Amino acid sequence: MAELPPIPYPLRQTFDGVSVDWLEQVRRALGDTSIVFLDQANNLSDVLDLPLARANLGLEIGADVQAWSAVLDGTTASFTIAQETKLAGIEALADVTDTANVTAAGALMDSELTDIAAVKALDQGVATTDTPSFAAVEVSGVQVLGAQGAAVADASGGSTVDTEARAAINALLARLRAHGVIAT
């Protein structure tokens, strides 16, 4: 098959007084002068056979073009099935910021918080499975835990040995180390 030259627009041009029909040139290049092209200059009004016009254009109703529909005539916008399904799932006159919708989404409303600035300042996970890091822990405004303290050696030495007291002190130190209060 012959390679086709690019088809310029308009499809009919005159060069040095000679009229050139580019569609005719395409027919000749393809070696088939029976190929029918729709006449753009007549705005397709020269085509009386609509099925033939669609065939010539390579169009199929329902696949390439939308058939006439009384429903579409009364519609200002068209939606895909997926869009329609998504829109159908939204409650009528929904206010997405009402408490029920926010709670259903697993979020908190500002009005539910006593210190919203502190919550918004969180920069780490605070769920039960997270391991957040804090500068200090306060209870009723009193710091009860702060940064980890320096290591403390087990009780030993001295001139008077109280075995039970040493055991209790060492057990206490072991607990403080286990909880990270003091270094090991």
C-alpha atoms as a PDB file:
ATOM      1  CA  MET A   1       0.000   0.000   0.000  1.00  0.00           C
ATOM      2  CA  ALA A   2       1.251   3.478  -0.842  1.00  0.00           C
ATOM      3  CA  GLU A   3       2.303   5.751   1.976  1.00  0.00           C
ATOM      4  CA  LEU A   4      -0.137   8.615   2.425  1.00  0.00           C
ATOM      5  CA  PRO A   5       1.035  12.196   2.499  1.00  0.00           C
ATOM      6  CA  PRO A   6      -0.266  14.390   5.337  1.00  0.00           C
ATOM      7  CA  ILE A   7      -3.662  15.795   4.427  1.00  0.00           C
ATOM      8  CA  PRO A   8      -3.770  19.574   4.689  1.00  0.00           C
ATOM      9  CA  TYR A   9      -6.774  21.611   5.707  1.00  0.00           C
ATOM     10  CA  PRO A  10      -8.859  22.738   3.858  1.00  0.00           C
ATOM     11  CA  LEU A  11      -9.307  19.540   1.893  1.00  0.00           C
ATOM     12  CA  ARG A  12      -9.607  21.420  -1.410  1.00  0.00           C
ATOM     13  CA  GLN A  13      -6.890  23.887  -2.327  1.00  0.00           C
ATOM     14  CA  THR A  14      -5.881  25.789  -5.445  1.00  0.00           C
ATOM     15  CA  PHE A  15      -2.256  26.027  -6.540  1.00  0.00           C
ATOM     16  CA  ASP A  16      -1.383  28.193  -9.557  1.00  0.00           C
ATOM     17  CA  GLY A  17      -4.992  28.042 -10.720  1.00  0.00           C
ATOM     18  CA  VAL A  18      -5.170  24.232 -10.367  1.00  0.00           C
ATOM     19  CA  SER A  19      -7.721  22.851  -7.872  1.00  0.00           C
ATOM     20  CA  VAL A  20      -6.455  19.935  -5.777  1.00  0.00           C
ATOM     21  CA  ASP A  21      -8.907  17.629  -3.987  1.00  0.00           C
ATOM     22  CA  TRP A  22      -6.866  15.984  -1.246  1.00  0.00           C
ATOM     23  CA  LEU A  23      -9.454  13.277  -0.613  1.00  0.00           C
ATOM     24  CA  GLU A  24      -9.198  12.269  -4.253  1.00  0.00           C
ATOM     25  CA  GLN A  25      -5.424  12.108  -3.808  1.00  0.00           C
ATOM     26  CA  VAL A  26      -5.938   9.741  -0.855  1.00  0.00           C
ATOM     27  CA  ARG A  27      -8.254   7.531  -2.934  1.00  0.00           C
ATOM     28  CA  ARG A  28      -5.621   7.310  -5.668  1.00  0.00           C
ATOM     29  CA  ALA A  29      -2.807   6.620  -3.183  1.00  0.00           C
ATOM     30  CA  LEU A  30      -4.881   3.770  -1.724  1.00  0.00           C
ATOM     31  CA  GLY A  31      -5.604   2.506  -5.210  1.00  0.00           C
ATOM     32  CA  ASP A  32      -9.361   2.527  -4.618  1.00  0.00           C
ATOM     33  CA  THR A  33     -11.381   5.373  -6.130  1.00  0.00           C
ATOM     34  CA  SER A  34     -14.620   3.864  -4.796  1.00  0.00           C
ATOM     35  CA  ILE A  35     -13.826   4.908  -1.202  1.00  0.00           C
ATOM     36  CA  VAL A  36     -16.543   7.287  -0.018  1.00  0.00           C
ATOM     37  CA  PHE A  37     -15.647  10.298   2.107  1.00  0.00           C
ATOM     38  CA  LEU A  38     -18.153  12.647   3.669  1.00  0.00           C
ATOM     39  CA  ASP A  39     -18.017  16.148   2.287  1.00  0.00           C
ATOM     40  CA  GLN A  40     -16.998  18.499   5.082  1.00  0.00           C
ATOM     41  CA  ALA A  41     -17.883  21.561   2.980  1.00  0.00           C
ATOM     42  CA  ASN A  42     -21.545  20.464   2.937  1.00  0.00           C
ATOM     43  CA  ASN A  43     -21.570  19.896   6.700  1.00  0.00           C
ATOM     44  CA  LEU A  44     -22.623  16.299   6.033  1.00  0.00           C
ATOM     45  CA  SER A  45     -25.886  17.538   4.463  1.00  0.00           C
ATOM     46  CA  ASP A  46     -25.015  15.636   1.295  1.00  0.00           C
ATOM     47  CA  VAL A  47     -25.434  12.383   3.178  1.00  0.00           C
ATOM     48  CA  LEU A  48     -29.047  11.253   3.209  1.00  0.00           C
ATOM     49  CA  ASP A  49     -28.370   7.742   4.431  1.00  0.00           C
ATOM     50  CA  LEU A  50     -27.575   8.059   8.175  1.00  0.00           C
ATOM     51  CA  PRO A  51     -26.431   4.442   8.646  1.00  0.00           C
ATOM     52  CA  LEU A  52     -24.057   4.904   5.683  1.00  0.00           C
ATOM     53  CA  ALA A  53     -22.829   8.211   7.168  1.00  0.00           C
ATOM     54  CA  ARG A  54     -22.058   6.490  10.495  1.00  0.00           C
ATOM     55  CA  ALA A  55     -20.338   3.637   8.688  1.00  0.00           C
ATOM     56  CA  ASN A  56     -18.241   6.081   6.634  1.00  0.00           C
ATOM     57  CA  LEU A  57     -17.232   7.894   9.785  1.00  0.00           C
ATOM     58  CA  GLY A  58     -16.526   4.601  11.572  1.00  0.00           C
ATOM     59  CA  LEU A  59     -19.023   5.391  14.327  1.00  0.00           C
ATOM     60  CA  GLU A  60     -21.291   3.052  16.232  1.00  0.00           C
ATOM     61  CA  ILE A  61     -24.222   4.271  18.311  1.00  0.00           C
ATOM     62  CA  GLY A  62     -23.720   3.358  21.958  1.00  0.00           C
ATOM     63  CA  ALA A  63     -19.985   2.824  21.490  1.00  0.00           C
ATOM     64  CA  ASP A  64     -18.678   5.967  19.772  1.00  0.00           C
ATOM     65  CA  VAL A  65     -21.720   8.242  19.877  1.00  0.00           C
ATOM     66  CA  GLN A  66     -24.700   8.596  22.190  1.00  0.00           C
ATOM     67  CA  ALA A  67     -28.103   7.880  20.698  1.00  0.00           C
ATOM     68  CA  TRP A  68     -30.884  10.390  21.337  1.00  0.00           C
ATOM     69  CA  SER A  69     -32.520   9.974  24.714  1.00  0.00           C
ATOM     70  CA  ALA A  70     -35.432  11.834  26.291  1.00  0.00           C
ATOM     71  CA  VAL A  71     -33.686  11.398  29.645  1.00  0.00           C
ATOM     72  CA  LEU A  72     -30.551  13.128  28.361  1.00  0.00           C
ATOM     73  CA  ASP A  73     -32.653  15.941  26.875  1.00  0.00           C
ATOM     74  CA  GLY A  74     -33.837  16.755  30.397  1.00  0.00           C
ATOM     75  CA  THR A  75     -30.398  16.443  31.980  1.00  0.00           C
ATOM     76  CA  THR A  76     -27.912  19.257  32.512  1.00  0.00           C
ATOM     77  CA  ALA A  77     -24.970  16.944  33.166  1.00  0.00           C
ATOM     78  CA  SER A  78     -24.126  13.351  32.387  1.00  0.00           C
ATOM     79  CA  PHE A  79     -22.514  10.956  34.857  1.00  0.00           C
ATOM     80  CA  THR A  80     -20.795   7.649  34.446  1.00  0.00           C
ATOM     81  CA  ILE A  81     -22.286   4.656  36.246  1.00  0.00           C
ATOM     82  CA  ALA A  82     -19.432   4.826  38.790  1.00  0.00           C
ATOM     83  CA  GLN A  83     -20.070   8.514  39.444  1.00  0.00           C
ATOM     84  CA  GLU A  84     -23.814   7.939  39.779  1.00  0.00           C
ATOM     85  CA  THR A  85     -23.219   5.079  42.234  1.00  0.00           C
ATOM     86  CA  LYS A  86     -20.872   7.231  44.298  1.00  0.00           C
ATOM     87  CA  LEU A  87     -23.321  10.139  44.349  1.00  0.00           C
ATOM     88  CA  ALA A  88     -26.207   7.837  45.277  1.00  0.00           C
ATOM     89  CA  GLY A  89     -24.317   6.854  48.441  1.00  0.00           C
ATOM     90  CA  ILE A  90     -24.326  10.408  49.805  1.00  0.00           C
ATOM     91  CA  GLU A  91     -27.187  11.235  52.131  1.00  0.00           C
ATOM     92  CA  ALA A  92     -29.578  13.924  50.927  1.00  0.00           C
ATOM     93  CA  LEU A  93     -28.490  17.435  51.946  1.00  0.00           C
ATOM     94  CA  ALA A  94     -25.470  15.922  53.712  1.00  0.00           C
ATOM     95  CA  ASP A  95     -23.437  18.151  55.969  1.00  0.00           C
ATOM     96  CA  VAL A  96     -20.126  16.323  56.068  1.00  0.00           C
ATOM     97  CA  THR A  97     -19.051  18.200  59.167  1.00  0.00           C
ATOM     98  CA  ASP A  98     -21.900  17.101  61.412  1.00  0.00           C
ATOM     99  CA  THR A  99     -20.938  15.037  64.462  1.00  0.00           C
ATOM    100  CA  ALA A 100     -22.525  11.807  63.185  1.00  0.00           C
ATOM    101  CA  ASN A 101     -20.548  11.836  59.918  1.00  0.00           C
ATOM    102  CA  VAL A 102     -17.291  12.862  61.583  1.00  0.00           C
ATOM    103  CA  THR A 103     -17.662  10.161  64.251  1.00  0.00           C
ATOM    104  CA  ALA A 104     -18.583   7.551  61.614  1.00  0.00           C
ATOM    105  CA  ALA A 105     -15.360   8.446  59.799  1.00  0.00           C
ATOM    106  CA  GLY A 106     -13.372   7.804  62.987  1.00  0.00           C
ATOM    107  CA  ALA A 107     -12.390  11.451  63.413  1.00  0.00           C
ATOM    108  CA  LEU A 108     -12.819  14.007  66.190  1.00  0.00           C
ATOM    109  CA  MET A 109     -14.632  17.314  66.059  1.00  0.00           C
ATOM    110  CA  ASP A 110     -12.837  20.344  67.485  1.00  0.00           C
ATOM    111  CA  SER A 111     -15.673  20.735  69.987  1.00  0.00           C
ATOM    112  CA  GLU A 112     -14.847  17.299  71.455  1.00  0.00           C
ATOM    113  CA  LEU A 113     -11.343  18.348  72.533  1.00  0.00           C
ATOM    114  CA  THR A 114     -10.326  20.293  75.623  1.00  0.00           C
ATOM    115  CA  ASP A 115      -6.942  21.344  74.196  1.00  0.00           C
ATOM    116  CA  ILE A 116      -7.140  21.292  70.399  1.00  0.00           C
ATOM    117  CA  ALA A 117      -3.761  23.025  70.016  1.00  0.00           C
ATOM    118  CA  ALA A 118      -2.048  20.202  71.934  1.00  0.00           C
ATOM    119  CA  VAL A 119      -3.754  17.560  69.808  1.00  0.00           C
ATOM    120  CA  LYS A 120      -2.823  19.328  66.574  1.00  0.00           C
ATOM    121  CA  ALA A 121       0.762  19.671  67.799  1.00  0.00           C
ATOM    122  CA  LEU A 122       1.180  15.873  68.086  1.00  0.00           C
ATOM    123  CA  ASP A 123       3.797  14.760  65.589  1.00  0.00           C
ATOM    124  CA  GLN A 124       3.827  11.055  66.413  1.00  0.00           C
ATOM    125  CA  GLY A 125       1.446   8.154  66.853  1.00  0.00           C
ATOM    126  CA  VAL A 126      -0.283   7.858  70.209  1.00  0.00           C
ATOM    127  CA  ALA A 127      -2.287   4.663  69.693  1.00  0.00           C
ATOM    128  CA  THR A 128      -1.932   1.840  72.184  1.00  0.00           C
ATOM    129  CA  THR A 129       0.418  -0.019  69.806  1.00  0.00           C
ATOM    130  CA  ASP A 130       2.666   3.032  69.190  1.00  0.00           C
ATOM    131  CA  THR A 131       5.747   3.948  71.210  1.00  0.00           C
ATOM    132  CA  PRO A 132       5.495   7.722  71.520  1.00  0.00           C
ATOM    133  CA  SER A 133       8.254   9.785  73.057  1.00  0.00           C
ATOM    134  CA  PHE A 134       7.419  12.634  75.458  1.00  0.00           C
ATOM    135  CA  ALA A 135       9.593  15.125  77.312  1.00  0.00           C
ATOM    136  CA  ALA A 136       7.787  14.569  80.616  1.00  0.00           C
ATOM    137  CA  VAL A 137       4.645  13.054  82.084  1.00  0.00           C
ATOM    138  CA  GLU A 138       2.499  15.179  84.336  1.00  0.00           C
ATOM    139  CA  VAL A 139      -0.403  14.231  86.557  1.00  0.00           C
ATOM    140  CA  SER A 140      -2.584  17.128  87.718  1.00  0.00           C
ATOM    141  CA  GLY A 141       0.139  19.592  86.735  1.00  0.00           C
ATOM    142  CA  VAL A 142       2.867  17.758  88.670  1.00  0.00           C
ATOM    143  CA  GLN A 143       5.671  16.119  86.722  1.00  0.00           C
ATOM    144  CA  VAL A 144       5.855  12.461  87.731  1.00  0.00           C
ATOM    145  CA  LEU A 145       8.202  11.249  84.988  1.00  0.00           C
ATOM    146  CA  GLY A 146      10.833  13.073  83.043  1.00  0.00           C
ATOM    147  CA  ALA A 147      13.857  12.109  81.010  1.00  0.00           C
ATOM    148  CA  GLN A 148      15.591   8.866  81.963  1.00  0.00           C
ATOM    149  CA  GLY A 149      17.880   9.253  84.956  1.00  0.00           C
ATOM    150  CA  ALA A 150      21.483   8.164  85.167  1.00  0.00           C
ATOM    151  CA  ALA A 151      22.359   4.601  86.045  1.00  0.00           C
ATOM    152  CA  VAL A 152      22.352   3.684  89.752  1.00  0.00           C
ATOM    153  CA  ALA A 153      24.485   0.789  90.950  1.00  0.00           C
ATOM    154  CA  ASP A 154      23.035  -1.983  93.074  1.00  0.00           C
ATOM    155  CA  ALA A 155      23.465  -1.634  96.817  1.00  0.00           C
ATOM    156  CA  SER A 156      26.746  -3.142  97.955  1.00  0.00           C
ATOM    157  CA  GLY A 157      29.670  -2.504 100.278  1.00  0.00           C
ATOM    158  CA  GLY A 158      29.622  -0.650 103.585  1.00  0.00           C
ATOM    159  CA  SER A 159      30.467  -1.773 107.138  1.00  0.00           C
ATOM    160  CA  THR A 160      26.953  -2.828 108.092  1.00  0.00           C
ATOM    161  CA  VAL A 161      25.292  -5.325 105.775  1.00  0.00           C
ATOM    162  CA  ASP A 162      21.506  -5.558 105.839  1.00  0.00           C
ATOM    163  CA  THR A 163      20.747  -8.321 103.383  1.00  0.00           C
ATOM    164  CA  GLU A 164      16.997  -7.740 103.344  1.00  0.00           C
ATOM    165  CA  ALA A 165      17.353  -3.957 102.806  1.00  0.00           C
ATOM    166  CA  ARG A 166      19.875  -4.506 100.029  1.00  0.00           C
ATOM    167  CA  ALA A 167      17.556  -7.023  98.349  1.00  0.00           C
ATOM    168  CA  ALA A 168      14.638  -4.575  98.533  1.00  0.00           C
ATOM    169  CA  ILE A 169      16.748  -1.663  97.191  1.00  0.00           C
ATOM    170  CA  ASN A 170      18.148  -3.825  94.387  1.00  0.00           C
ATOM    171  CA  ALA A 171      14.645  -5.038  93.468  1.00  0.00           C
ATOM    172  CA  LEU A 172      13.461  -1.424  93.368  1.00  0.00           C
ATOM    173  CA  LEU A 173      16.428  -0.424  91.183  1.00  0.00           C
ATOM    174  CA  ALA A 174      15.739  -3.391  88.871  1.00  0.00           C
ATOM    175  CA  ARG A 175      12.120  -2.233  88.462  1.00  0.00           C
ATOM    176  CA  LEU A 176      13.197   1.352  87.728  1.00  0.00           C
ATOM    177  CA  ARG A 177      15.624   0.044  85.091  1.00  0.00           C
ATOM    178  CA  ALA A 178      12.997  -2.285  83.597  1.00  0.00           C
ATOM    179  CA  HIS A 179      10.596   0.640  83.197  1.00  0.00           C
ATOM    180  CA  GLY A 180      13.278   2.878  81.748  1.00  0.00           C
ATOM    181  CA  VAL A 181      13.197   5.392  84.593  1.00  0.00           C
ATOM    182  CA  ILE A 182      16.924   4.985  85.164  1.00  0.00           C
ATOM    183  CA  ALA A 183      19.596   3.751  82.802  1.00  0.00           C
ATOM    184  CA  THR A 184      21.057   0.289  83.111  1.00  0.00           C
END
